[in-house]
């Protein structure tokens, strides 16, 4: 009876958590690619340049892992081929646990990306989650030969095959367009300057000790009476709730001048090209046409992390007349999951966002402004 209860808890906890984690990442495979690139870069520094060979294939590796998460979660729920399902799941979990421990202990990658941008966990929280989940996976692995499939063989094949195909389709669609659900701070409707402010102002509490009896006294004000009180320390009572959601957005001009605040003034159509060496040129003609049609109506500019020489070459090659400015590459990848991508800001509020495959007409952009 006890084993049956643990079986059901393990089955649903592991299965549903794997599906949830996979779907969150399936919503944004580019985010998973960015996170894997971070890990490969760190491993290349710490373990050897061999890991650099994986960086160009981070998207493909990420997609395989994402689809595996979803499919394994469904497989566990229906007890599908538990002999191989639990072995693959255990191997994947050992890999995840190593990554989260490495991130936590060496403070290398501060966000594992376990649940994408939807749920942010600290490295130690991620590691603790993996250790907790490992207990139930080990239970399923130990008793893997005792489980009876919920569906007949042919039906089980059909379900797993359908889930695999659907996951691949959704992942490819998200890559070629934008995430279905946007959890980032730069999503449509957010005001960027507001996202750069702390959620709360810091609140400090001063700790004093009474000189006559040693009693500890706490106050929100600094007690000036030094004859009665001796200062001990100061503590922030709302620590962890004062960090802004956006802390690294900054823009500089070609001349090196700060242009950050200007991007929040008026209507700006921002073309994000974080790396001209990896940029897709399939829809550059559409972007060029859009910029020309908006001339005199909306300020069009580009943000890039590439060098001025590289971007100048790219700009002249494709006859892009709008000015460009510099920003951090990681920030640009966060703003929009496309290279190039487009985002419309009006007085710092995000009004629209497009993948280059979905480049809008000028009328659509103007309608969002009015």
Protein backbone atom coordinates (compact mmCIF):
# COMPACT_ATOMS: atom_id res chain seq x y z
CA UNK A 1 0.00 0.00 0.00
CA UNK A 2 2.80 2.43 0.94
CA UNK A 3 4.70 1.61 -2.27
CA UNK A 4 1.58 2.27 -4.34
CA UNK A 5 1.18 5.71 -2.78
CA UNK A 6 4.83 6.56 -3.41
CA UNK A 7 4.47 5.20 -6.95
CA UNK A 8 1.58 7.57 -7.69
CA UNK A 9 3.29 10.55 -6.05
CA UNK A 10 6.49 9.88 -8.00
CA UNK A 11 4.63 9.33 -11.25
CA UNK A 12 2.60 12.53 -11.17
CA UNK A 13 5.21 14.74 -9.49
CA UNK A 14 8.02 13.77 -11.87
CA UNK A 15 5.83 13.55 -14.96
CA UNK A 16 4.02 16.85 -14.51
CA UNK A 17 7.17 18.72 -13.45
CA UNK A 18 9.07 17.48 -16.49
CA UNK A 19 6.18 18.47 -18.77
CA UNK A 20 5.86 21.90 -17.14
CA UNK A 21 9.60 22.56 -17.33
CA UNK A 22 9.73 21.39 -20.94
CA UNK A 23 6.73 23.45 -22.05
CA UNK A 24 8.16 26.60 -20.42
CA UNK A 25 11.38 26.13 -22.38
CA UNK A 26 9.51 25.04 -25.53
CA UNK A 27 7.85 28.45 -25.38
CA UNK A 28 11.30 30.06 -25.80
CA UNK A 29 13.96 27.73 -27.30
CA UNK A 30 16.18 30.73 -28.09
CA UNK A 31 16.38 31.46 -24.36
CA UNK A 32 17.54 27.88 -23.75
CA UNK A 33 20.13 28.26 -26.51
CA UNK A 34 21.49 31.42 -24.86
CA UNK A 35 21.72 29.65 -21.52
CA UNK A 36 23.51 26.63 -23.02
CA UNK A 37 25.98 28.94 -24.75
CA UNK A 38 26.78 30.43 -21.34
CA UNK A 39 27.44 26.97 -19.92
CA UNK A 40 29.62 25.92 -22.88
CA UNK A 41 31.66 29.13 -22.62
CA UNK A 42 32.20 28.54 -18.89
CA UNK A 43 33.12 24.87 -19.44
CA UNK A 44 35.53 25.89 -22.21
CA UNK A 45 37.33 28.14 -19.73
CA UNK A 46 37.29 25.66 -16.84
CA UNK A 47 37.65 22.26 -18.53
CA UNK A 48 39.08 22.89 -21.97
CA UNK A 49 38.42 24.47 -25.35
CA UNK A 50 36.71 21.26 -26.49
CA UNK A 51 33.37 22.68 -25.31
CA UNK A 52 33.67 25.57 -27.76
CA UNK A 53 32.71 23.13 -30.52
CA UNK A 54 29.25 22.76 -28.95
CA UNK A 55 28.45 26.51 -28.99
CA UNK A 56 27.32 26.66 -32.65
CA UNK A 57 24.97 23.72 -31.99
CA UNK A 58 23.47 25.06 -28.76
CA UNK A 59 20.03 25.53 -30.35
CA UNK A 60 19.86 21.98 -31.69
CA UNK A 61 21.13 20.51 -28.40
CA UNK A 62 18.64 22.63 -26.49
CA UNK A 63 15.74 21.49 -28.67
CA UNK A 64 16.63 17.83 -28.14
CA UNK A 65 16.74 18.33 -24.37
CA UNK A 66 13.46 20.30 -24.35
CA UNK A 67 11.57 17.73 -26.41
CA UNK A 68 13.03 14.95 -24.26
CA UNK A 69 11.73 16.65 -21.11
CA UNK A 70 8.17 16.85 -22.44
CA UNK A 71 8.17 13.35 -23.92
CA UNK A 72 9.70 11.75 -20.81
CA UNK A 73 7.14 13.50 -18.62
CA UNK A 74 4.27 12.09 -20.71
CA UNK A 75 5.93 8.66 -20.84
CA UNK A 76 6.14 8.50 -17.04
CA UNK A 77 2.47 9.50 -16.67
CA UNK A 78 1.36 6.58 -18.86
CA UNK A 79 4.12 4.19 -17.68
CA UNK A 80 5.39 3.92 -21.25
CA UNK A 81 8.44 1.67 -21.67
CA UNK A 82 9.62 2.42 -18.14
CA UNK A 83 12.80 0.39 -18.59
CA UNK A 84 14.25 2.88 -21.07
CA UNK A 85 12.21 5.92 -19.95
CA UNK A 86 13.59 5.89 -16.41
CA UNK A 87 17.16 5.28 -17.61
CA UNK A 88 17.07 8.27 -19.95
CA UNK A 89 15.31 10.38 -17.33
CA UNK A 90 17.89 9.48 -14.67
CA UNK A 91 20.77 10.31 -17.03
CA UNK A 92 19.17 13.65 -17.90
CA UNK A 93 18.56 14.40 -14.22
CA UNK A 94 22.16 13.60 -13.26
CA UNK A 95 23.28 16.03 -15.97
CA UNK A 96 20.89 18.76 -14.73
CA UNK A 97 21.94 18.21 -11.11
CA UNK A 98 25.61 18.55 -12.05
CA UNK A 99 24.88 21.81 -13.89
CA UNK A 100 22.94 23.33 -11.00
CA UNK A 101 25.54 22.25 -8.43
CA UNK A 102 28.35 23.63 -10.57
CA UNK A 103 26.46 26.92 -10.97
CA UNK A 104 25.73 27.16 -7.25
CA UNK A 105 29.09 26.09 -5.84
CA UNK A 106 31.32 28.01 -8.25
CA UNK A 107 28.85 30.86 -8.89
CA UNK A 108 29.44 30.58 -12.63
CA UNK A 109 25.96 30.78 -14.20
CA UNK A 110 23.66 32.51 -11.76
CA UNK A 111 20.42 31.40 -13.45
CA UNK A 112 20.17 27.82 -14.67
CA UNK A 113 17.12 28.56 -16.83
CA UNK A 114 15.27 25.51 -15.44
CA UNK A 115 11.93 27.24 -15.92
CA UNK A 116 13.01 29.82 -18.49
CA UNK A 117 12.07 33.39 -17.64
CA UNK A 118 8.79 32.31 -16.03
CA UNK A 119 10.19 31.29 -12.64
CA UNK A 120 13.58 32.53 -11.54
CA UNK A 121 15.46 30.30 -9.10
CA UNK A 122 18.78 30.94 -7.42
CA UNK A 123 21.50 28.37 -8.18
CA UNK A 124 21.12 26.74 -4.75
CA UNK A 125 17.32 26.65 -5.10
CA UNK A 126 17.74 24.95 -8.48
CA UNK A 127 20.16 22.40 -7.04
CA UNK A 128 17.85 21.69 -4.08
CA UNK A 129 14.95 21.21 -6.47
CA UNK A 130 16.96 18.71 -8.52
CA UNK A 131 18.07 16.74 -5.45
CA UNK A 132 14.47 16.58 -4.21
CA UNK A 133 13.22 15.42 -7.61
CA UNK A 134 16.04 12.88 -7.89
CA UNK A 135 14.61 10.96 -4.91
CA UNK A 136 11.38 10.24 -6.78
CA UNK A 137 13.16 9.49 -10.06
CA UNK A 138 15.36 6.96 -8.27
CA UNK A 139 12.20 5.34 -6.86
CA UNK A 140 10.74 5.03 -10.36
CA UNK A 141 14.05 3.69 -11.67
CA UNK A 142 14.35 1.09 -8.88
CA UNK A 143 10.87 -0.30 -9.49
CA UNK A 144 10.85 0.28 -13.26
CA UNK A 145 10.19 -3.39 -14.08
CA UNK A 146 7.07 -3.56 -11.91
CA UNK A 147 5.00 -0.89 -13.65
CA UNK A 148 2.20 -1.86 -16.02
CA UNK A 149 1.62 0.50 -18.97
CA UNK A 150 -1.60 2.51 -18.79
CA UNK A 151 -2.13 2.16 -22.56
CA UNK A 152 -1.68 -0.73 -24.93
CA UNK A 153 1.55 -0.79 -26.95
CA UNK A 154 0.12 0.69 -30.15
CA UNK A 155 -1.75 3.42 -28.28
CA UNK A 156 1.35 4.22 -26.23
CA UNK A 157 3.43 4.55 -29.41
CA UNK A 158 0.78 6.87 -30.87
CA UNK A 159 0.67 9.15 -27.82
CA UNK A 160 4.45 9.43 -27.49
CA UNK A 161 4.86 9.92 -31.24
CA UNK A 162 2.19 12.63 -31.30
CA UNK A 163 3.72 14.46 -28.30
CA UNK A 164 7.17 14.30 -29.92
CA UNK A 165 5.92 15.69 -33.24
CA UNK A 166 3.85 18.41 -31.56
CA UNK A 167 6.77 19.48 -29.36
CA UNK A 168 9.10 19.73 -32.35
CA UNK A 169 6.51 21.76 -34.28
CA UNK A 170 5.88 24.18 -31.39
CA UNK A 171 9.61 24.62 -30.80
CA UNK A 172 10.36 25.37 -34.45
CA UNK A 173 7.41 27.79 -34.61
CA UNK A 174 8.67 29.66 -31.54
CA UNK A 175 12.15 29.87 -33.07
CA UNK A 176 10.85 31.23 -36.39
CA UNK A 177 8.55 33.75 -34.71
CA UNK A 178 8.55 34.80 -31.03
CA UNK A 179 7.65 33.10 -27.71
CA UNK A 180 3.94 32.34 -27.37
CA UNK A 181 3.94 33.81 -23.87
CA UNK A 182 6.47 36.50 -23.03
CA UNK A 183 7.77 36.43 -19.43
CA UNK A 184 10.57 38.95 -19.96
CA UNK A 185 10.75 42.47 -18.53
CA UNK A 186 10.76 43.86 -22.09
CA UNK A 187 7.39 42.35 -23.03
CA UNK A 188 4.60 44.31 -24.69
CA UNK A 189 2.84 46.61 -22.23
CA UNK A 190 5.80 47.14 -19.91
CA UNK A 191 7.32 50.55 -19.37
CA UNK A 192 11.09 50.12 -19.51
CA UNK A 193 12.04 53.06 -17.22
CA UNK A 194 9.62 51.69 -14.60
CA UNK A 195 11.22 48.23 -14.94
CA UNK A 196 14.57 49.85 -14.20
CA UNK A 197 13.35 51.16 -10.84
CA UNK A 198 13.43 49.06 -7.64
CA UNK A 199 10.12 47.42 -6.80
CA UNK A 200 10.43 48.91 -3.32
CA UNK A 201 12.63 51.54 -1.79
CA UNK A 202 15.10 50.01 0.69
CA UNK A 203 13.96 50.08 4.31
CA UNK A 204 16.66 50.11 6.96
CA UNK A 205 16.45 49.22 10.62
CA UNK A 206 19.11 50.45 13.03
CA UNK A 207 20.22 48.26 15.90
CA UNK A 208 21.44 49.85 19.15
CA UNK A 209 22.40 48.56 22.56
CA UNK A 210 21.32 50.31 25.76
CA UNK A 211 24.39 51.25 27.74
CA UNK A 212 22.79 50.72 31.15
CA UNK A 213 21.49 47.15 30.74
CA UNK A 214 22.77 45.88 27.35
CA UNK A 215 19.25 45.51 25.96
CA UNK A 216 19.04 45.53 22.14
CA UNK A 217 16.88 48.27 20.64
CA UNK A 218 15.73 48.48 17.02
CA UNK A 219 14.61 51.68 15.35
CA UNK A 220 13.81 52.95 11.86
CA UNK A 221 15.72 56.12 12.74
CA UNK A 222 19.27 56.65 13.89
CA UNK A 223 19.19 57.35 17.64
CA UNK A 224 21.37 60.39 18.26
CA UNK A 225 21.44 60.09 22.06
CA UNK A 226 24.90 58.55 22.48
CA UNK A 227 24.67 58.81 26.28
CA UNK A 228 22.00 56.09 26.36
CA UNK A 229 22.57 54.09 23.18
CA UNK A 230 25.52 52.51 21.48
CA UNK A 231 25.27 51.87 17.76
CA UNK A 232 25.63 48.18 16.79
CA UNK A 233 24.57 47.65 13.15
CA UNK A 234 22.09 48.45 10.39
CA UNK A 235 19.94 45.92 8.52
CA UNK A 236 17.82 46.17 5.39
CA UNK A 237 14.47 44.66 6.30
CA UNK A 238 13.17 44.29 2.75
CA UNK A 239 16.34 42.97 1.13
CA UNK A 240 15.63 40.97 -2.00
CA UNK A 241 12.55 43.02 -2.87
CA UNK A 242 14.36 46.18 -3.91
CA UNK A 243 16.18 44.96 -7.00
CA UNK A 244 14.93 46.37 -10.28
CA UNK A 245 13.77 43.92 -12.95
CA UNK A 246 16.06 45.58 -15.49
CA UNK A 247 19.53 46.51 -14.24
CA UNK A 248 21.74 46.33 -17.33
CA UNK A 249 20.00 48.29 -20.08
CA UNK A 250 22.31 51.02 -21.36
CA UNK A 251 22.79 52.55 -24.80
CA UNK A 252 25.74 54.53 -26.11
CA UNK A 253 26.20 56.42 -29.36
CA UNK A 254 28.94 55.82 -31.91
CA UNK A 255 30.79 58.73 -30.28
CA UNK A 256 30.58 57.03 -26.88
CA UNK A 257 27.90 59.30 -25.39
CA UNK A 258 25.11 57.93 -23.19
CA UNK A 259 21.94 57.62 -25.26
CA UNK A 260 19.86 55.53 -22.83
CA UNK A 261 17.29 58.14 -21.83
CA UNK A 262 16.76 59.26 -25.44
CA UNK A 263 15.43 55.79 -26.30
CA UNK A 264 12.54 56.49 -23.92
CA UNK A 265 11.52 59.73 -25.63
CA UNK A 266 8.73 59.72 -28.19
CA UNK A 267 8.02 56.88 -30.62
CA UNK A 268 11.01 54.68 -31.44
CA UNK A 269 11.07 51.66 -33.74
CA UNK A 270 14.17 49.80 -32.60
CA UNK A 271 15.81 47.29 -34.92
CA UNK A 272 17.81 44.85 -32.79
CA UNK A 273 20.82 43.30 -34.53
CA UNK A 274 22.87 41.87 -31.71
CA UNK A 275 25.42 40.16 -33.98
CA UNK A 276 25.85 41.02 -37.67
CA UNK A 277 27.92 37.86 -38.18
CA UNK A 278 24.92 35.71 -37.24
CA UNK A 279 22.14 37.96 -38.53
CA UNK A 280 19.50 36.59 -40.88
CA UNK A 281 19.19 38.62 -44.06
CA UNK A 282 16.07 36.85 -45.34
CA UNK A 283 13.78 39.79 -44.52
CA UNK A 284 16.16 42.73 -44.61
CA UNK A 285 14.34 44.11 -47.66
CA UNK A 286 11.09 44.21 -45.65
CA UNK A 287 12.81 46.02 -42.77
CA UNK A 288 14.39 48.50 -45.18
CA UNK A 289 10.98 49.17 -46.78
CA UNK A 290 9.36 49.60 -43.35
CA UNK A 291 12.01 52.12 -42.25
CA UNK A 292 11.58 54.10 -45.46
CA UNK A 293 7.77 54.20 -45.12
CA UNK A 294 8.06 55.42 -41.52
CA UNK A 295 10.51 58.19 -42.39
CA UNK A 296 9.38 61.46 -40.82
CA UNK A 297 6.68 59.71 -38.76
CA UNK A 298 8.59 57.45 -36.37
CA UNK A 299 12.24 57.52 -35.40
CA UNK A 300 13.90 54.32 -36.58
CA UNK A 301 17.21 53.23 -35.05
CA UNK A 302 19.26 50.09 -34.62
CA UNK A 303 20.86 48.63 -31.51
CA UNK A 304 23.82 46.32 -31.91
CA UNK A 305 26.60 44.66 -29.94
CA UNK A 306 28.78 44.33 -33.03
CA UNK A 307 31.72 46.64 -33.71
CA UNK A 308 31.19 49.88 -35.59
CA UNK A 309 33.24 48.59 -38.54
CA UNK A 310 31.14 45.42 -38.78
CA UNK A 311 27.84 47.27 -38.54
CA UNK A 312 28.87 49.96 -41.02
CA UNK A 313 29.72 47.25 -43.56
CA UNK A 314 26.41 45.52 -42.89
CA UNK A 315 24.45 48.77 -43.08
CA UNK A 316 25.95 49.85 -46.41
CA UNK A 317 25.65 46.38 -47.90
CA UNK A 318 21.89 46.36 -47.23
CA UNK A 319 21.29 50.11 -47.70
CA UNK A 320 19.97 50.74 -44.19
CA UNK A 321 19.81 54.50 -43.74
CA UNK A 322 18.82 54.65 -40.07
CA UNK A 323 21.39 55.40 -37.30
CA UNK A 324 22.73 52.78 -34.94
CA UNK A 325 23.81 52.66 -31.29
CA UNK A 326 25.57 50.18 -29.03
CA UNK A 327 24.15 47.99 -26.26
CA UNK A 328 25.20 44.83 -24.46
CA UNK A 329 24.69 41.65 -26.49
CA UNK A 330 22.97 39.73 -23.67
CA UNK A 331 20.57 42.63 -23.13
CA UNK A 332 19.71 42.73 -26.83
CA UNK A 333 19.04 38.99 -26.86
CA UNK A 334 16.69 39.55 -23.95
CA UNK A 335 14.82 42.45 -25.55
CA UNK A 336 13.70 40.40 -28.55
CA UNK A 337 14.38 36.76 -29.44
CA UNK A 338 15.33 37.45 -33.06
CA UNK A 339 18.37 38.64 -34.97
CA UNK A 340 17.19 40.95 -36.42
CA UNK A 341 14.13 41.72 -34.35
CA UNK A 342 11.93 44.77 -34.07
CA UNK A 343 10.34 46.46 -31.07
CA UNK A 344 8.24 49.62 -30.88
CA UNK A 345 8.61 51.86 -27.83
CA UNK A 346 6.45 54.92 -27.18
CA UNK A 347 7.74 57.06 -24.30
CA UNK A 348 9.51 53.97 -22.98
CA UNK A 349 6.45 51.70 -23.10
CA UNK A 350 6.68 48.61 -25.32
CA UNK A 351 3.84 48.78 -27.85
CA UNK A 352 4.89 46.11 -30.32
CA UNK A 353 7.44 43.39 -30.96
CA UNK A 354 8.14 41.36 -34.09
CA UNK A 355 10.41 38.64 -35.37
CA UNK A 356 11.98 39.56 -38.70
CA UNK A 357 9.80 36.84 -40.26
CA UNK A 358 6.78 38.88 -39.15
CA UNK A 359 8.01 42.36 -40.10
CA UNK A 360 4.92 44.60 -39.94
CA UNK A 361 3.60 47.12 -42.42
CA UNK A 362 4.07 50.82 -41.65
CA UNK A 363 0.31 51.18 -41.11
CA UNK A 364 0.40 48.56 -38.33
CA UNK A 365 3.21 50.40 -36.54
CA UNK A 366 1.46 53.77 -36.84
CA UNK A 367 -1.80 52.30 -35.57
CA UNK A 368 -0.06 51.15 -32.39
CA UNK A 369 1.25 54.66 -31.78
CA UNK A 370 -2.07 56.45 -32.25
